[in-house]
Amino acid sequence: MKTIERSSSGGVMLPRTALWEDELPATEGETFGAEDNPTGNPIGGGPDYSDILVAGDHTVTSYDELEAALSASRAGDVVFVPADVQIDMSRRSELIIPGDVTLASSRGSEGSEGGLIFSDALDTPGLFRAGGDCVRITGLRVRGPFDDRDRVDRSSNGIETTHFGTEIDNCEIWAFSVAATRFNTGASRGYVHHNYIHHNQRGGLGYGVGINGGSVLIEANLFDWCRHHIASSGAPGSGYEARYNVCLEHANGHLFDMHGGRDRGDATDIAGDWMNIHHNTFKAEEVRSLVIRGVSSQGAKIHHNWFYSPEPSNIVRVSGATRVYRNVLGQTRELLEDMEVANE
């Protein structure tokens, strides 16, 4: 079993590996898109991921065992789902993961796809919710009941949090009508990294990472078949850094966004607190990559990304002051030092 570093109080020491841009060491050379990937782990996780757990303090094989283990866990415990286990949460209650507890499986170890936790019930509102600070979900497959684009009157989320330090890594998460992962007001210093997030594409919603008043670092994920891979309501307190992610060719809406006041109907032009989008690769050419519908109160930066579309007008649409500089476009990787962006 991989050793879990614990604090003096018994809890997991977090953030363990997350470094935000202002904390990153200086590097030599200039790169664009996710090609450099300095994280030390493969984009999307899986084979060759270095931080895989293969055992835990509680091993579970059914919903009842999982519910009991989470209820009994203390700070620092690992609740482990073996790779060959499938746990059906259809018409079961959403589960709360206590603070400082890790829910894990072994995705990427010796060919493992990771244990599967799923629901086929259309009335499933959500599967997991962080019940305290420093929750980690790692190495699992998490599947919801909605993998197509139909508009439905049911809302479902995979993993939700309103707490500090929620970490979601090396997972495959798909088929949720609202969001695979959701960071609501109170969720600060979230960390979503090295996941494969796909087929969250319900018409009108359908997000890989949804942000509503929280802040999160989104790093080295592989995105595909989402309506929006990253979407934020733009409510005050919302902010995210997205880096070293790869967005594959399929989407039915723009890829990353931040909503403004008119979306919320709150008579403001606020589009969150801040955004920093850099060193991502955007392969979808038929949809716009970035949309910011308002003004981020602390500023927004878009730089050192690789957009496969050669058309600058198809890259970003913004309202208000946003710095868009030193990105490359198309297969020829034409450098745009500064980009004049279309107004939203």
Protein backbone atom coordinates (compact mmCIF):
# COMPACT_ATOMS: atom_id res chain seq x y z
CA MET A 1 0.00 0.00 0.00
CA LYS A 2 1.23 3.46 -0.84
CA THR A 3 2.09 5.45 2.26
CA ILE A 4 -0.26 8.36 2.96
CA GLU A 5 1.46 11.32 4.53
CA ARG A 6 -0.43 12.44 7.65
CA SER A 7 -0.42 15.61 9.64
CA SER A 8 0.19 15.72 13.38
CA SER A 9 -3.56 15.63 13.91
CA GLY A 10 -3.89 12.46 11.85
CA GLY A 11 -5.30 14.07 8.71
CA VAL A 12 -3.84 13.89 5.25
CA MET A 13 -1.48 16.81 4.53
CA LEU A 14 -2.95 18.78 1.66
CA PRO A 15 -2.38 20.25 -0.78
CA ARG A 16 0.04 17.40 -1.45
CA THR A 17 1.20 18.14 -4.98
CA ALA A 18 -0.82 21.14 -6.17
CA LEU A 19 1.19 24.22 -7.06
CA TRP A 20 -0.60 27.27 -8.39
CA GLU A 21 1.09 29.42 -10.99
CA ASP A 22 2.46 31.97 -8.54
CA GLU A 23 4.14 29.12 -6.65
CA LEU A 24 5.69 27.34 -9.64
CA PRO A 25 9.47 27.29 -9.97
CA ALA A 26 10.96 29.11 -12.95
CA THR A 27 11.52 26.93 -16.02
CA GLU A 28 13.77 27.36 -19.03
CA GLY A 29 12.35 27.66 -22.51
CA GLU A 30 8.88 28.51 -23.75
CA THR A 31 6.27 25.89 -24.57
CA PHE A 32 2.72 26.01 -25.89
CA GLY A 33 -0.18 23.72 -25.21
CA ALA A 34 0.12 20.64 -23.05
CA GLU A 35 3.06 19.16 -24.95
CA ASP A 36 5.60 19.85 -22.20
CA ASN A 37 3.42 18.47 -19.35
CA PRO A 38 5.83 19.00 -16.46
CA THR A 39 3.55 17.23 -13.96
CA GLY A 40 5.47 13.95 -14.09
CA ASN A 41 2.29 11.96 -14.77
CA PRO A 42 0.38 11.18 -17.99
CA ILE A 43 -2.40 13.51 -19.04
CA GLY A 44 -5.65 11.77 -18.16
CA GLY A 45 -4.00 9.44 -15.66
CA GLY A 46 -4.18 5.65 -16.00
CA PRO A 47 -1.09 3.55 -16.84
CA ASP A 48 2.17 5.07 -15.56
CA TYR A 49 0.38 7.29 -13.05
CA SER A 50 2.72 7.38 -10.06
CA ASP A 51 0.33 7.90 -7.15
CA ILE A 52 -1.89 4.81 -7.30
CA LEU A 53 -3.29 3.21 -4.15
CA VAL A 54 -3.71 -0.59 -4.20
CA ALA A 55 -5.14 -1.20 -0.71
CA GLY A 56 -6.79 0.69 2.12
CA ASP A 57 -7.93 0.69 5.74
CA HIS A 58 -11.41 -0.47 4.67
CA THR A 59 -12.06 -2.67 1.62
CA VAL A 60 -15.59 -2.58 0.23
CA THR A 61 -17.45 -4.56 -2.41
CA SER A 62 -21.07 -3.33 -2.08
CA TYR A 63 -23.06 -0.16 -1.46
CA ASP A 64 -23.85 -1.22 2.12
CA GLU A 65 -20.18 -1.88 2.85
CA LEU A 66 -19.18 1.43 1.26
CA GLU A 67 -21.76 3.37 3.27
CA ALA A 68 -20.67 1.69 6.51
CA ALA A 69 -16.96 2.22 5.82
CA LEU A 70 -17.40 5.91 5.09
CA SER A 71 -19.45 6.33 8.25
CA ALA A 72 -16.80 4.57 10.34
CA SER A 73 -13.72 6.21 8.80
CA ARG A 74 -11.46 8.48 10.80
CA ALA A 75 -9.17 11.21 9.52
CA GLY A 76 -6.44 9.73 7.32
CA ASP A 77 -8.30 6.52 6.44
CA VAL A 78 -8.47 5.07 2.92
CA VAL A 79 -11.68 3.36 1.80
CA PHE A 80 -10.68 1.05 -1.05
CA VAL A 81 -12.76 -0.38 -3.91
CA PRO A 82 -10.97 -3.33 -5.60
CA ALA A 83 -10.48 -3.11 -9.35
CA ASP A 84 -12.95 -5.89 -10.20
CA VAL A 85 -15.78 -4.50 -8.07
CA GLN A 86 -18.84 -2.71 -9.43
CA ILE A 87 -21.07 -0.89 -6.95
CA ASP A 88 -24.57 0.02 -8.12
CA MET A 89 -25.91 3.21 -6.50
CA SER A 90 -29.15 3.27 -8.50
CA ARG A 91 -31.94 4.55 -6.24
CA ARG A 92 -29.50 4.74 -3.36
CA SER A 93 -28.73 7.80 -1.25
CA GLU A 94 -25.85 10.11 -2.09
CA LEU A 95 -22.80 9.22 0.01
CA ILE A 96 -20.84 11.67 2.15
CA ILE A 97 -17.05 11.30 2.29
CA PRO A 98 -15.79 12.60 5.67
CA GLY A 99 -13.02 15.16 5.88
CA ASP A 100 -9.44 13.85 5.58
CA VAL A 101 -10.71 10.56 4.12
CA THR A 102 -9.65 9.08 0.77
CA LEU A 103 -11.95 7.01 -1.45
CA ALA A 104 -9.75 5.02 -3.82
CA SER A 105 -9.33 2.31 -6.38
CA SER A 106 -6.37 1.24 -8.50
CA ARG A 107 -6.94 2.71 -11.98
CA GLY A 108 -3.78 2.24 -14.01
CA SER A 109 -2.16 -0.43 -11.85
CA GLU A 110 -1.30 -3.58 -13.80
CA GLY A 111 -3.88 -2.78 -16.45
CA SER A 112 -6.66 -2.00 -13.99
CA GLU A 113 -9.49 0.26 -15.17
CA GLY A 114 -10.36 0.93 -11.53
CA GLY A 115 -13.39 -0.09 -9.52
CA LEU A 116 -16.69 1.18 -10.92
CA ILE A 117 -19.32 3.06 -8.92
CA PHE A 118 -22.38 3.89 -11.00
CA SER A 119 -26.07 4.66 -11.19
CA ASP A 120 -28.52 3.85 -13.96
CA ALA A 121 -31.47 5.54 -12.23
CA LEU A 122 -32.64 8.70 -13.99
CA ASP A 123 -33.69 10.23 -10.66
CA THR A 124 -30.13 10.12 -9.27
CA PRO A 125 -29.26 13.64 -8.01
CA GLY A 126 -25.64 12.83 -7.17
CA LEU A 127 -23.26 10.08 -6.09
CA PHE A 128 -20.70 11.66 -3.75
CA ARG A 129 -20.34 14.79 -1.66
CA ALA A 130 -17.34 15.94 0.37
CA GLY A 131 -18.32 16.15 4.04
CA GLY A 132 -15.27 18.10 5.19
CA ASP A 133 -11.90 19.49 4.18
CA CYS A 134 -9.17 17.54 2.38
CA VAL A 135 -11.26 14.77 0.85
CA ARG A 136 -9.56 12.81 -1.92
CA ILE A 137 -11.19 10.63 -4.61
CA THR A 138 -8.62 8.73 -6.66
CA GLY A 139 -8.32 5.84 -9.12
CA LEU A 140 -12.07 5.21 -9.51
CA ARG A 141 -14.49 5.01 -12.38
CA VAL A 142 -17.64 7.02 -11.61
CA ARG A 143 -20.57 6.79 -14.05
CA GLY A 144 -23.95 8.49 -14.08
CA PRO A 145 -27.16 7.75 -16.01
CA PHE A 146 -26.97 10.44 -18.74
CA ASP A 147 -24.41 10.06 -21.52
CA ASP A 148 -26.24 11.67 -24.46
CA ARG A 149 -27.21 15.21 -25.44
CA ASP A 150 -30.94 15.02 -24.81
CA ARG A 151 -32.45 17.74 -22.66
CA VAL A 152 -33.84 16.08 -19.55
CA ASP A 153 -35.68 17.40 -16.52
CA ARG A 154 -33.38 15.56 -14.10
CA SER A 155 -30.17 16.95 -12.65
CA SER A 156 -27.28 14.76 -11.59
CA ASN A 157 -23.71 15.41 -10.44
CA GLY A 158 -20.86 12.99 -9.90
CA ILE A 159 -18.85 14.57 -7.08
CA GLU A 160 -19.78 17.81 -5.28
CA THR A 161 -17.99 19.85 -2.65
CA THR A 162 -18.29 23.02 -0.60
CA HIS A 163 -15.05 22.42 1.31
CA PHE A 164 -11.34 23.23 1.21
CA GLY A 165 -8.82 20.99 -0.52
CA THR A 166 -11.05 18.50 -2.34
CA GLU A 167 -8.78 16.50 -4.65
CA ILE A 168 -10.03 14.37 -7.55
CA ASP A 169 -7.30 12.55 -9.44
CA ASN A 170 -6.66 9.61 -11.78
CA CYS A 171 -10.39 8.92 -12.17
CA GLU A 172 -12.64 8.32 -15.17
CA ILE A 173 -15.90 10.24 -14.70
CA TRP A 174 -18.76 10.40 -17.18
CA ALA A 175 -22.49 10.51 -17.95
CA PHE A 176 -23.78 13.22 -15.60
CA SER A 177 -26.40 15.68 -16.78
CA VAL A 178 -25.08 18.69 -14.85
CA ALA A 179 -21.44 18.14 -13.88
CA ALA A 180 -18.98 15.32 -13.40
CA THR A 181 -17.34 17.39 -10.66
CA ARG A 182 -18.84 20.48 -9.03
CA PHE A 183 -17.23 23.08 -6.77
CA ASN A 184 -19.82 25.24 -5.00
CA THR A 185 -19.55 28.24 -2.68
CA GLY A 186 -17.07 27.47 0.11
CA ALA A 187 -15.00 25.10 -2.01
CA SER A 188 -11.51 26.59 -2.06
CA ARG A 189 -8.19 25.22 -3.32
CA GLY A 190 -9.84 22.32 -5.11
CA TYR A 191 -7.58 20.18 -7.28
CA VAL A 192 -8.87 18.21 -10.29
CA HIS A 193 -5.99 16.52 -12.09
CA HIS A 194 -4.98 13.62 -14.34
CA ASN A 195 -8.56 12.46 -14.93
CA TYR A 196 -10.38 11.30 -18.05
CA ILE A 197 -13.66 13.24 -18.06
CA HIS A 198 -16.07 12.66 -20.93
CA HIS A 199 -19.69 12.36 -22.13
CA ASN A 200 -21.19 14.96 -19.82
CA GLN A 201 -23.14 16.69 -22.57
CA ARG A 202 -26.77 17.29 -21.66
CA GLY A 203 -28.28 20.12 -23.69
CA GLY A 204 -28.21 23.35 -21.67
CA LEU A 205 -25.85 21.92 -19.03
CA GLY A 206 -23.28 19.12 -19.30
CA TYR A 207 -19.99 20.12 -17.63
CA GLY A 208 -16.77 18.28 -16.87
CA VAL A 209 -15.86 20.68 -14.07
CA GLY A 210 -18.61 22.99 -12.81
CA ILE A 211 -17.72 25.95 -10.58
CA ASN A 212 -20.26 28.04 -8.66
CA GLY A 213 -18.51 30.23 -6.12
CA GLY A 214 -15.51 27.94 -5.61
CA SER A 215 -11.84 28.02 -6.67
CA VAL A 216 -10.04 25.09 -8.27
CA LEU A 217 -6.83 24.14 -10.06
CA ILE A 218 -7.61 21.98 -13.12
CA GLU A 219 -4.50 20.23 -14.41
CA ALA A 220 -3.47 17.52 -16.89
CA ASN A 221 -6.97 16.19 -17.54
CA LEU A 222 -8.16 14.59 -20.77
CA PHE A 223 -11.55 15.99 -21.82
CA ASP A 224 -13.89 14.80 -24.57
CA TRP A 225 -17.61 14.76 -25.40
CA CYS A 226 -18.68 17.39 -22.85
CA ARG A 227 -20.92 20.33 -23.66
CA HIS A 228 -18.49 22.54 -21.75
CA HIS A 229 -15.39 20.90 -20.29
CA ILE A 230 -15.07 23.68 -17.69
CA ALA A 231 -17.96 25.99 -16.86
CA SER A 232 -18.49 28.53 -14.11
CA SER A 233 -21.55 30.48 -13.06
CA GLY A 234 -19.25 33.46 -12.53
CA ALA A 235 -20.68 34.09 -9.08
CA PRO A 236 -18.40 36.11 -6.77
CA GLY A 237 -15.75 33.80 -5.33
CA SER A 238 -15.47 31.77 -8.54
CA GLY A 239 -12.01 31.32 -9.99
CA TYR A 240 -9.93 28.69 -11.71
CA GLU A 241 -6.55 27.97 -13.19
CA ALA A 242 -6.57 25.47 -16.07
CA ARG A 243 -3.24 24.16 -17.35
CA TYR A 244 -1.77 21.19 -19.23
CA ASN A 245 -5.22 19.85 -20.14
CA VAL A 246 -5.99 18.28 -23.52
CA CYS A 247 -9.44 18.82 -25.02
CA LEU A 248 -10.08 16.24 -27.73
CA GLU A 249 -12.10 16.84 -30.89
CA HIS A 250 -15.66 16.28 -29.64
CA ALA A 251 -17.90 18.86 -27.97
CA ASN A 252 -21.35 20.35 -28.48
CA GLY A 253 -20.57 23.76 -27.02
CA HIS A 254 -17.62 26.03 -26.31
CA LEU A 255 -14.94 24.34 -24.24
CA PHE A 256 -14.09 26.59 -21.23
CA ASP A 257 -16.17 29.47 -19.92
CA MET A 258 -17.04 31.95 -17.20
CA HIS A 259 -20.61 33.26 -17.09
CA GLY A 260 -21.50 36.87 -16.37
CA GLY A 261 -24.16 38.71 -14.45
CA ARG A 262 -26.76 38.55 -17.18
CA ASP A 263 -26.66 34.73 -17.04
CA ARG A 264 -27.42 34.87 -13.32
CA GLY A 265 -29.83 37.79 -13.60
CA ASP A 266 -28.16 39.66 -10.72
CA ALA A 267 -27.81 43.05 -12.47
CA THR A 268 -23.99 42.91 -12.49
CA ASP A 269 -21.32 42.36 -15.12
CA ILE A 270 -19.21 40.16 -12.85
CA ALA A 271 -17.64 37.09 -14.47
CA GLY A 272 -16.09 35.51 -11.41
CA ASP A 273 -13.03 36.68 -9.51
CA TRP A 274 -10.24 35.42 -11.79
CA MET A 275 -9.19 33.03 -14.55
CA ASN A 276 -5.78 31.80 -15.69
CA ILE A 277 -5.88 29.53 -18.73
CA HIS A 278 -2.47 28.47 -20.00
CA HIS A 279 -0.61 25.57 -21.63
CA ASN A 280 -3.75 23.74 -22.73
CA THR A 281 -4.30 22.01 -26.09
CA PHE A 282 -7.70 22.61 -27.72
CA LYS A 283 -8.27 20.16 -30.58
CA ALA A 284 -11.96 20.84 -31.33
CA GLU A 285 -12.11 23.17 -34.34
CA GLU A 286 -15.88 23.39 -34.89
CA VAL A 287 -16.68 25.15 -31.61
CA ARG A 288 -15.24 28.21 -29.90
CA SER A 289 -12.63 27.34 -27.29
CA LEU A 290 -13.26 30.07 -24.68
CA VAL A 291 -16.16 32.33 -23.75
CA ILE A 292 -16.10 34.90 -20.93
CA ARG A 293 -19.41 36.73 -20.53
CA GLY A 294 -18.48 39.59 -18.25
CA VAL A 295 -15.55 41.08 -16.35
CA SER A 296 -13.48 39.03 -13.90
CA SER A 297 -12.99 41.28 -10.89
CA GLN A 298 -9.32 40.31 -10.42
CA GLY A 299 -8.54 39.81 -14.10
CA ALA A 300 -8.35 36.99 -16.63
CA LYS A 301 -5.31 35.71 -18.56
CA ILE A 302 -5.17 33.38 -21.56
CA HIS A 303 -1.68 32.49 -22.73
CA HIS A 304 0.63 29.76 -24.06
CA ASN A 305 -2.22 27.58 -25.31
CA TRP A 306 -2.35 25.67 -28.59
CA PHE A 307 -5.61 26.09 -30.49
CA TYR A 308 -5.99 23.69 -33.42
CA SER A 309 -8.36 26.10 -35.15
CA PRO A 310 -6.40 28.51 -37.38
CA GLU A 311 -9.08 31.19 -37.10
CA PRO A 312 -8.53 33.77 -34.33
CA SER A 313 -12.26 34.57 -34.28
CA ASN A 314 -12.97 30.98 -33.27
CA ILE A 315 -10.67 31.06 -30.26
CA VAL A 316 -12.13 33.33 -27.65
CA ARG A 317 -15.10 35.63 -27.15
CA VAL A 318 -15.04 37.93 -24.17
CA SER A 319 -16.73 40.91 -22.61
CA GLY A 320 -14.48 43.27 -20.68
CA ALA A 321 -10.75 43.28 -20.03
CA THR A 322 -9.06 39.94 -20.66
CA ARG A 323 -5.38 39.50 -21.53
CA VAL A 324 -4.94 37.13 -24.48
CA TYR A 325 -1.28 36.83 -25.44
CA ARG A 326 1.35 34.42 -26.77
CA ASN A 327 -0.84 31.58 -28.00
CA VAL A 328 -0.35 29.44 -31.12
CA LEU A 329 -2.99 28.55 -33.73
CA GLY A 330 -3.48 25.79 -36.27
CA GLN A 331 -1.23 22.97 -37.36
CA THR A 332 1.40 25.51 -38.39
CA ARG A 333 1.41 26.83 -34.80
CA GLU A 334 1.26 30.46 -35.85
CA LEU A 335 2.20 32.63 -32.90
CA LEU A 336 -0.19 35.42 -31.95
CA GLU A 337 1.68 37.75 -29.66
CA ASP A 338 -1.46 39.66 -28.74
CA MET A 339 -4.97 38.82 -29.87
CA GLU A 340 -7.76 41.22 -30.52
CA VAL A 341 -10.76 39.29 -29.27
CA ALA A 342 -14.38 39.51 -30.33
CA ASN A 343 -16.79 41.04 -27.84
CA GLU A 344 -19.47 38.81 -26.38
